[in-house]
Amino acid sequence: MADEYDRLPFEDAIDIVVLRAAGGHTVPVAGSTPIDLDNGAEPVGELLTDLLAATVRVRVDEGTPPDVLAALRRIPVPAAFRTSPWLDASRAIVVRDGAGRAGQLTVRYSVDSGLRFDQPEADSEADPDADFGSNSDDDENG
């Protein structure tokens, strides 16, 4: 007999910690404490709180294509996360002005619309400015 636990949602999900480049440092989008992703020391205190608050769970059953999830799994877990029981399977994506790269994927992040991914083949068919949202002060031609 099937029950609600037969299909575990975390099997088709990955946690992404969204960071932003700010003043020569990398900080969680939900905080202001800098992090060195190459440092193997376990994040604690306010930094850990900020990192957890900046974590987005990307799930196939919420519309993310499986190949996007596969591309995200290829991102290595940063040394700073490997020692933390809370972050040891999380990947990091750094955005600058709301946009970044994750392998071949274009990543877009805003507080209002969350984390979104564009695959390379989709980029040529879609309006690239449509996904950046209205919070950007950049006015691109198009």
N, C-alpha and C. Protein backbone atom coordinates (compact mmCIF):
# COMPACT_ATOMS: atom_id res chain seq x y z
N MET A 1 0.84 -1.18 0.00
CA MET A 1 0.00 0.00 0.00
C MET A 1 0.89 1.24 0.00
N ALA A 2 0.63 2.16 -0.90
CA ALA A 2 1.42 3.39 -1.03
C ALA A 2 1.02 4.39 0.04
N ASP A 3 2.01 5.09 0.53
CA ASP A 3 1.70 6.16 1.47
C ASP A 3 2.45 7.43 1.04
N GLU A 4 2.33 8.49 1.83
CA GLU A 4 2.92 9.77 1.45
C GLU A 4 4.44 9.74 1.41
N TYR A 5 5.08 8.73 1.99
CA TYR A 5 6.53 8.66 2.03
C TYR A 5 7.13 7.84 0.90
N ASP A 6 6.28 7.25 0.04
CA ASP A 6 6.80 6.45 -1.07
C ASP A 6 7.60 7.29 -2.04
N ARG A 7 7.22 8.51 -2.25
CA ARG A 7 7.93 9.41 -3.15
C ARG A 7 8.54 10.53 -2.31
N LEU A 8 9.81 10.41 -2.03
CA LEU A 8 10.49 11.39 -1.19
C LEU A 8 10.95 12.57 -2.04
N PRO A 9 10.45 13.78 -1.77
CA PRO A 9 10.75 14.93 -2.61
C PRO A 9 12.21 15.33 -2.64
N PHE A 10 12.97 15.05 -1.57
CA PHE A 10 14.37 15.50 -1.56
C PHE A 10 15.24 14.69 -2.51
N GLU A 11 14.74 13.58 -3.04
CA GLU A 11 15.52 12.81 -3.99
C GLU A 11 15.74 13.57 -5.29
N ASP A 12 14.83 14.46 -5.64
CA ASP A 12 14.93 15.25 -6.86
C ASP A 12 15.09 16.73 -6.53
N ALA A 13 15.98 17.00 -5.57
CA ALA A 13 16.19 18.38 -5.14
C ALA A 13 17.66 18.59 -4.79
N ILE A 14 18.04 19.85 -4.79
CA ILE A 14 19.39 20.23 -4.37
C ILE A 14 19.31 21.59 -3.69
N ASP A 15 20.12 21.77 -2.66
CA ASP A 15 20.15 23.05 -1.95
C ASP A 15 21.25 23.92 -2.52
N ILE A 16 20.87 25.16 -2.82
CA ILE A 16 21.79 26.15 -3.36
C ILE A 16 21.85 27.33 -2.39
N VAL A 17 23.06 27.68 -1.97
CA VAL A 17 23.24 28.87 -1.14
C VAL A 17 23.58 30.00 -2.10
N VAL A 18 22.73 31.02 -2.11
CA VAL A 18 22.91 32.15 -3.01
C VAL A 18 23.74 33.21 -2.29
N LEU A 19 24.85 33.55 -2.92
CA LEU A 19 25.77 34.53 -2.38
C LEU A 19 25.88 35.69 -3.36
N ARG A 20 26.33 36.83 -2.86
CA ARG A 20 26.53 37.97 -3.77
C ARG A 20 27.92 38.53 -3.57
N ALA A 21 28.46 39.04 -4.66
CA ALA A 21 29.74 39.73 -4.62
C ALA A 21 29.48 41.14 -4.11
N ALA A 22 30.17 41.52 -3.04
CA ALA A 22 29.95 42.83 -2.44
C ALA A 22 31.25 43.39 -1.89
N GLY A 23 31.74 44.46 -2.49
CA GLY A 23 32.92 45.14 -1.98
C GLY A 23 34.15 44.26 -1.86
N GLY A 24 34.37 43.41 -2.83
CA GLY A 24 35.54 42.54 -2.80
C GLY A 24 35.36 41.29 -1.94
N HIS A 25 34.18 41.11 -1.37
CA HIS A 25 33.89 39.95 -0.53
C HIS A 25 32.72 39.18 -1.12
N THR A 26 32.54 37.97 -0.63
CA THR A 26 31.37 37.18 -0.98
C THR A 26 30.54 37.04 0.29
N VAL A 27 29.26 37.44 0.20
CA VAL A 27 28.38 37.40 1.36
C VAL A 27 27.07 36.72 0.98
N PRO A 28 26.40 36.07 1.93
CA PRO A 28 25.08 35.49 1.65
C PRO A 28 24.09 36.61 1.29
N VAL A 29 23.17 36.32 0.37
CA VAL A 29 22.19 37.34 -0.01
C VAL A 29 21.29 37.70 1.17
N ALA A 30 21.23 36.86 2.17
CA ALA A 30 20.39 37.11 3.34
C ALA A 30 21.20 37.64 4.52
N GLY A 31 22.33 38.27 4.26
CA GLY A 31 23.13 38.77 5.37
C GLY A 31 24.25 39.67 4.90
N SER A 32 25.18 39.92 5.81
CA SER A 32 26.30 40.80 5.47
C SER A 32 27.64 40.25 5.94
N THR A 33 27.65 39.03 6.47
CA THR A 33 28.89 38.43 6.96
C THR A 33 29.65 37.79 5.81
N PRO A 34 30.88 38.23 5.54
CA PRO A 34 31.65 37.65 4.44
C PRO A 34 32.00 36.18 4.70
N ILE A 35 32.15 35.42 3.61
CA ILE A 35 32.58 34.04 3.70
C ILE A 35 33.68 33.78 2.68
N ASP A 36 34.65 33.00 3.10
CA ASP A 36 35.70 32.51 2.20
C ASP A 36 35.32 31.08 1.87
N LEU A 37 34.83 30.85 0.67
CA LEU A 37 34.35 29.53 0.28
C LEU A 37 35.46 28.48 0.26
N ASP A 38 36.71 28.91 0.15
CA ASP A 38 37.84 27.97 0.11
C ASP A 38 38.35 27.60 1.50
N ASN A 39 37.89 28.30 2.53
CA ASN A 39 38.32 28.02 3.89
C ASN A 39 37.52 26.83 4.43
N GLY A 40 38.21 25.81 4.91
CA GLY A 40 37.55 24.60 5.38
C GLY A 40 36.98 24.68 6.78
N ALA A 41 37.06 25.85 7.43
CA ALA A 41 36.51 25.99 8.78
C ALA A 41 34.98 26.00 8.72
N GLU A 42 34.36 25.31 9.65
CA GLU A 42 32.90 25.23 9.69
C GLU A 42 32.29 26.60 9.99
N PRO A 43 31.33 27.04 9.16
CA PRO A 43 30.64 28.30 9.44
C PRO A 43 29.79 28.16 10.71
N VAL A 44 29.86 29.14 11.59
CA VAL A 44 29.10 29.11 12.84
C VAL A 44 28.49 30.48 13.10
N GLY A 45 27.63 30.54 14.09
CA GLY A 45 27.05 31.79 14.55
C GLY A 45 26.26 32.52 13.48
N GLU A 46 26.48 33.82 13.42
CA GLU A 46 25.74 34.67 12.48
C GLU A 46 25.97 34.26 11.03
N LEU A 47 27.19 33.86 10.70
CA LEU A 47 27.47 33.43 9.32
C LEU A 47 26.63 32.22 8.95
N LEU A 48 26.57 31.22 9.83
CA LEU A 48 25.75 30.03 9.55
C LEU A 48 24.29 30.41 9.40
N THR A 49 23.80 31.28 10.26
CA THR A 49 22.41 31.74 10.16
C THR A 49 22.15 32.42 8.83
N ASP A 50 23.08 33.28 8.40
CA ASP A 50 22.94 33.97 7.11
C ASP A 50 22.96 32.99 5.95
N LEU A 51 23.86 32.00 6.00
CA LEU A 51 23.95 31.02 4.92
C LEU A 51 22.68 30.18 4.82
N LEU A 52 22.16 29.76 5.95
CA LEU A 52 20.92 28.96 5.93
C LEU A 52 19.75 29.80 5.42
N ALA A 53 19.70 31.07 5.77
CA ALA A 53 18.63 31.95 5.29
C ALA A 53 18.76 32.23 3.80
N ALA A 54 19.96 32.08 3.24
CA ALA A 54 20.20 32.32 1.82
C ALA A 54 20.10 31.04 0.99
N THR A 55 19.66 29.95 1.61
CA THR A 55 19.57 28.66 0.93
C THR A 55 18.23 28.53 0.21
N VAL A 56 18.32 28.10 -1.04
CA VAL A 56 17.13 27.87 -1.86
C VAL A 56 17.14 26.40 -2.25
N ARG A 57 16.04 25.71 -2.02
CA ARG A 57 15.92 24.31 -2.44
C ARG A 57 15.35 24.31 -3.86
N VAL A 58 16.10 23.75 -4.78
CA VAL A 58 15.69 23.66 -6.19
C VAL A 58 15.16 22.24 -6.40
N ARG A 59 13.90 22.15 -6.85
CA ARG A 59 13.24 20.85 -6.95
C ARG A 59 12.67 20.63 -8.34
N VAL A 60 12.80 19.40 -8.81
CA VAL A 60 12.24 19.02 -10.10
C VAL A 60 10.72 19.13 -10.07
N ASP A 61 10.09 18.71 -8.98
CA ASP A 61 8.63 18.71 -8.93
C ASP A 61 8.04 20.12 -8.82
N GLU A 62 8.88 21.14 -8.77
CA GLU A 62 8.41 22.53 -8.78
C GLU A 62 8.73 23.21 -10.10
N GLY A 63 8.99 22.40 -11.13
CA GLY A 63 9.16 22.95 -12.46
C GLY A 63 10.59 23.06 -12.96
N THR A 64 11.57 22.72 -12.15
CA THR A 64 12.96 22.78 -12.61
C THR A 64 13.24 21.55 -13.46
N PRO A 65 13.70 21.72 -14.70
CA PRO A 65 14.01 20.56 -15.55
C PRO A 65 15.10 19.68 -14.92
N PRO A 66 14.99 18.37 -15.09
CA PRO A 66 15.99 17.46 -14.52
C PRO A 66 17.42 17.75 -14.99
N ASP A 67 17.59 18.23 -16.23
CA ASP A 67 18.95 18.51 -16.69
C ASP A 67 19.54 19.73 -15.98
N VAL A 68 18.70 20.67 -15.54
CA VAL A 68 19.19 21.80 -14.74
C VAL A 68 19.66 21.28 -13.39
N LEU A 69 18.87 20.40 -12.78
CA LEU A 69 19.27 19.81 -11.50
C LEU A 69 20.58 19.04 -11.64
N ALA A 70 20.73 18.31 -12.74
CA ALA A 70 21.97 17.56 -12.98
C ALA A 70 23.16 18.52 -13.12
N ALA A 71 22.97 19.65 -13.79
CA ALA A 71 24.04 20.64 -13.94
C ALA A 71 24.41 21.23 -12.58
N LEU A 72 23.43 21.47 -11.73
CA LEU A 72 23.70 22.01 -10.40
C LEU A 72 24.46 21.00 -9.55
N ARG A 73 24.16 19.72 -9.71
CA ARG A 73 24.88 18.68 -8.94
C ARG A 73 26.35 18.60 -9.33
N ARG A 74 26.70 19.06 -10.52
CA ARG A 74 28.10 19.04 -10.95
C ARG A 74 28.93 20.16 -10.31
N ILE A 75 28.26 21.13 -9.70
CA ILE A 75 28.98 22.19 -8.99
C ILE A 75 29.55 21.57 -7.72
N PRO A 76 30.83 21.71 -7.48
CA PRO A 76 31.42 21.12 -6.26
C PRO A 76 30.92 21.82 -5.00
N VAL A 77 30.81 21.05 -3.93
CA VAL A 77 30.48 21.62 -2.63
C VAL A 77 31.71 22.39 -2.15
N PRO A 78 31.55 23.66 -1.78
CA PRO A 78 32.71 24.45 -1.33
C PRO A 78 33.32 23.88 -0.04
N ALA A 79 34.60 24.07 0.13
CA ALA A 79 35.30 23.61 1.33
C ALA A 79 34.64 24.17 2.59
N ALA A 80 34.17 25.40 2.53
CA ALA A 80 33.53 26.02 3.70
C ALA A 80 32.25 25.32 4.11
N PHE A 81 31.62 24.57 3.19
CA PHE A 81 30.37 23.88 3.50
C PHE A 81 30.60 22.43 3.92
N ARG A 82 31.68 21.83 3.47
CA ARG A 82 31.89 20.38 3.68
C ARG A 82 31.98 19.99 5.15
N THR A 83 32.42 20.89 6.01
CA THR A 83 32.57 20.56 7.43
C THR A 83 31.31 20.83 8.24
N SER A 84 30.29 21.38 7.61
CA SER A 84 29.05 21.72 8.32
C SER A 84 27.98 20.66 8.09
N PRO A 85 27.40 20.13 9.16
CA PRO A 85 26.31 19.17 8.96
C PRO A 85 25.07 19.81 8.33
N TRP A 86 24.97 21.12 8.37
CA TRP A 86 23.83 21.82 7.80
C TRP A 86 24.01 22.14 6.32
N LEU A 87 25.26 22.23 5.87
CA LEU A 87 25.55 22.68 4.51
C LEU A 87 26.34 21.68 3.68
N ASP A 88 26.64 20.50 4.22
CA ASP A 88 27.60 19.58 3.61
C ASP A 88 27.20 19.04 2.24
N ALA A 89 25.97 19.25 1.81
CA ALA A 89 25.56 18.84 0.46
C ALA A 89 25.13 20.04 -0.38
N SER A 90 25.28 21.24 0.16
CA SER A 90 24.82 22.44 -0.54
C SER A 90 25.88 22.93 -1.51
N ARG A 91 25.40 23.52 -2.60
CA ARG A 91 26.29 24.16 -3.57
C ARG A 91 26.15 25.67 -3.40
N ALA A 92 27.14 26.41 -3.85
CA ALA A 92 27.12 27.87 -3.76
C ALA A 92 27.07 28.46 -5.15
N ILE A 93 26.25 29.49 -5.31
CA ILE A 93 26.21 30.27 -6.54
C ILE A 93 26.37 31.73 -6.15
N VAL A 94 27.32 32.39 -6.79
CA VAL A 94 27.59 33.80 -6.52
C VAL A 94 26.98 34.62 -7.66
N VAL A 95 26.18 35.61 -7.27
CA VAL A 95 25.58 36.52 -8.26
C VAL A 95 26.14 37.91 -8.06
N ARG A 96 26.20 38.63 -9.16
CA ARG A 96 26.61 40.03 -9.14
C ARG A 96 25.50 40.79 -9.84
N ASP A 97 24.92 41.76 -9.16
CA ASP A 97 23.79 42.52 -9.70
C ASP A 97 22.66 41.58 -10.14
N GLY A 98 22.44 40.51 -9.36
CA GLY A 98 21.32 39.61 -9.60
C GLY A 98 21.55 38.54 -10.64
N ALA A 99 22.74 38.46 -11.23
CA ALA A 99 22.99 37.47 -12.28
C ALA A 99 24.33 36.78 -12.04
N GLY A 100 24.41 35.53 -12.49
CA GLY A 100 25.65 34.78 -12.36
C GLY A 100 25.64 33.59 -13.29
N ARG A 101 26.64 32.73 -13.13
CA ARG A 101 26.77 31.53 -13.96
C ARG A 101 26.93 30.32 -13.05
N ALA A 102 26.39 29.22 -13.50
CA ALA A 102 26.59 27.92 -12.86
C ALA A 102 26.86 26.94 -13.98
N GLY A 103 28.12 26.75 -14.31
CA GLY A 103 28.46 25.93 -15.48
C GLY A 103 27.94 26.60 -16.73
N GLN A 104 27.12 25.89 -17.50
CA GLN A 104 26.54 26.44 -18.72
C GLN A 104 25.23 27.19 -18.47
N LEU A 105 24.77 27.22 -17.24
CA LEU A 105 23.50 27.86 -16.91
C LEU A 105 23.70 29.33 -16.57
N THR A 106 22.78 30.16 -17.00
CA THR A 106 22.71 31.53 -16.53
C THR A 106 21.79 31.53 -15.32
N VAL A 107 22.23 32.16 -14.25
CA VAL A 107 21.49 32.19 -13.00
C VAL A 107 21.01 33.61 -12.76
N ARG A 108 19.76 33.72 -12.35
CA ARG A 108 19.19 35.03 -12.02
C ARG A 108 18.56 34.93 -10.64
N TYR A 109 18.80 35.93 -9.82
CA TYR A 109 18.25 35.93 -8.47
C TYR A 109 17.71 37.31 -8.12
N SER A 110 16.54 37.31 -7.52
CA SER A 110 16.01 38.52 -6.90
C SER A 110 15.19 38.09 -5.69
N VAL A 111 15.07 38.99 -4.74
CA VAL A 111 14.30 38.70 -3.54
C VAL A 111 12.85 38.41 -3.92
N ASP A 112 12.33 39.13 -4.92
CA ASP A 112 10.93 38.97 -5.31
C ASP A 112 10.64 37.68 -6.06
N SER A 113 11.51 37.32 -7.02
CA SER A 113 11.22 36.15 -7.86
C SER A 113 12.05 34.93 -7.53
N GLY A 114 13.02 35.05 -6.62
CA GLY A 114 13.82 33.91 -6.22
C GLY A 114 14.91 33.57 -7.21
N LEU A 115 15.26 32.29 -7.28
CA LEU A 115 16.36 31.80 -8.10
C LEU A 115 15.81 31.16 -9.35
N ARG A 116 16.35 31.56 -10.50
CA ARG A 116 15.91 31.00 -11.78
C ARG A 116 17.11 30.69 -12.65
N PHE A 117 16.93 29.72 -13.53
CA PHE A 117 18.01 29.25 -14.39
C PHE A 117 17.58 29.28 -15.84
N ASP A 118 18.49 29.69 -16.71
CA ASP A 118 18.27 29.66 -18.15
C ASP A 118 19.31 28.75 -18.75
N GLN A 119 18.87 27.79 -19.54
CA GLN A 119 19.79 26.92 -20.24
C GLN A 119 20.30 27.63 -21.48
N PRO A 120 21.50 27.30 -21.97
CA PRO A 120 22.08 28.02 -23.11
C PRO A 120 21.17 28.03 -24.33
N GLU A 121 20.54 26.90 -24.65
CA GLU A 121 19.70 26.87 -25.83
C GLU A 121 18.43 27.71 -25.66
N ALA A 122 17.97 27.88 -24.45
CA ALA A 122 16.78 28.70 -24.20
C ALA A 122 17.12 30.19 -24.26
N ASP A 123 18.38 30.54 -23.94
CA ASP A 123 18.77 31.95 -23.93
C ASP A 123 18.60 32.61 -25.28
N SER A 124 18.85 31.90 -26.37
CA SER A 124 18.78 32.51 -27.69
C SER A 124 17.34 32.75 -28.12
N GLU A 125 16.38 32.05 -27.53
CA GLU A 125 14.98 32.20 -27.92
C GLU A 125 14.22 33.16 -27.02
N ALA A 126 14.72 33.37 -25.81
CA ALA A 126 14.00 34.19 -24.84
C ALA A 126 14.60 35.59 -24.78
N ASP A 127 13.80 36.53 -24.29
CA ASP A 127 14.27 37.88 -24.06
C ASP A 127 15.08 37.87 -22.76
N PRO A 128 16.41 38.05 -22.82
CA PRO A 128 17.22 37.94 -21.62
C PRO A 128 16.90 38.99 -20.57
N ASP A 129 16.34 40.13 -20.96
CA ASP A 129 16.01 41.17 -20.00
C ASP A 129 14.72 40.87 -19.24
N ALA A 130 13.89 39.99 -19.75
CA ALA A 130 12.60 39.71 -19.13
C ALA A 130 12.75 39.06 -17.77
N ASP A 131 13.81 38.33 -17.53
CA ASP A 131 13.98 37.61 -16.28
C ASP A 131 14.67 38.40 -15.18
N PHE A 132 15.21 39.56 -15.49
CA PHE A 132 15.95 40.29 -14.48
C PHE A 132 15.04 41.05 -13.52
N GLY A 133 13.80 41.25 -13.85
CA GLY A 133 12.89 41.94 -12.95
C GLY A 133 13.03 43.44 -13.04
N SER A 134 12.18 44.14 -12.32
CA SER A 134 12.13 45.58 -12.42
C SER A 134 13.01 46.28 -11.39
N ASN A 135 13.72 45.52 -10.55
CA ASN A 135 14.55 46.14 -9.53
C ASN A 135 15.89 46.62 -10.05
N SER A 136 16.25 46.28 -11.27
CA SER A 136 17.55 46.63 -11.81
C SER A 136 17.55 48.07 -12.32
N ASP A 137 18.62 48.78 -12.03
CA ASP A 137 18.77 50.13 -12.54
C ASP A 137 19.41 50.13 -13.90
N ASP A 138 19.91 48.96 -14.35
CA ASP A 138 20.53 48.86 -15.65
C ASP A 138 19.47 48.91 -16.74
N ASP A 139 19.66 49.74 -17.73
CA ASP A 139 18.72 49.84 -18.83
C ASP A 139 19.44 49.36 -20.08
N GLU A 140 19.13 48.16 -20.50
CA GLU A 140 19.80 47.58 -21.65
C GLU A 140 18.97 47.86 -22.91
N ASN A 141 19.65 47.94 -24.03
CA ASN A 141 18.96 48.12 -25.30
C ASN A 141 18.24 46.84 -25.64
N GLY A 142 17.07 46.94 -26.21
CA GLY A 142 16.40 45.72 -26.62
C GLY A 142 14.98 45.89 -26.63
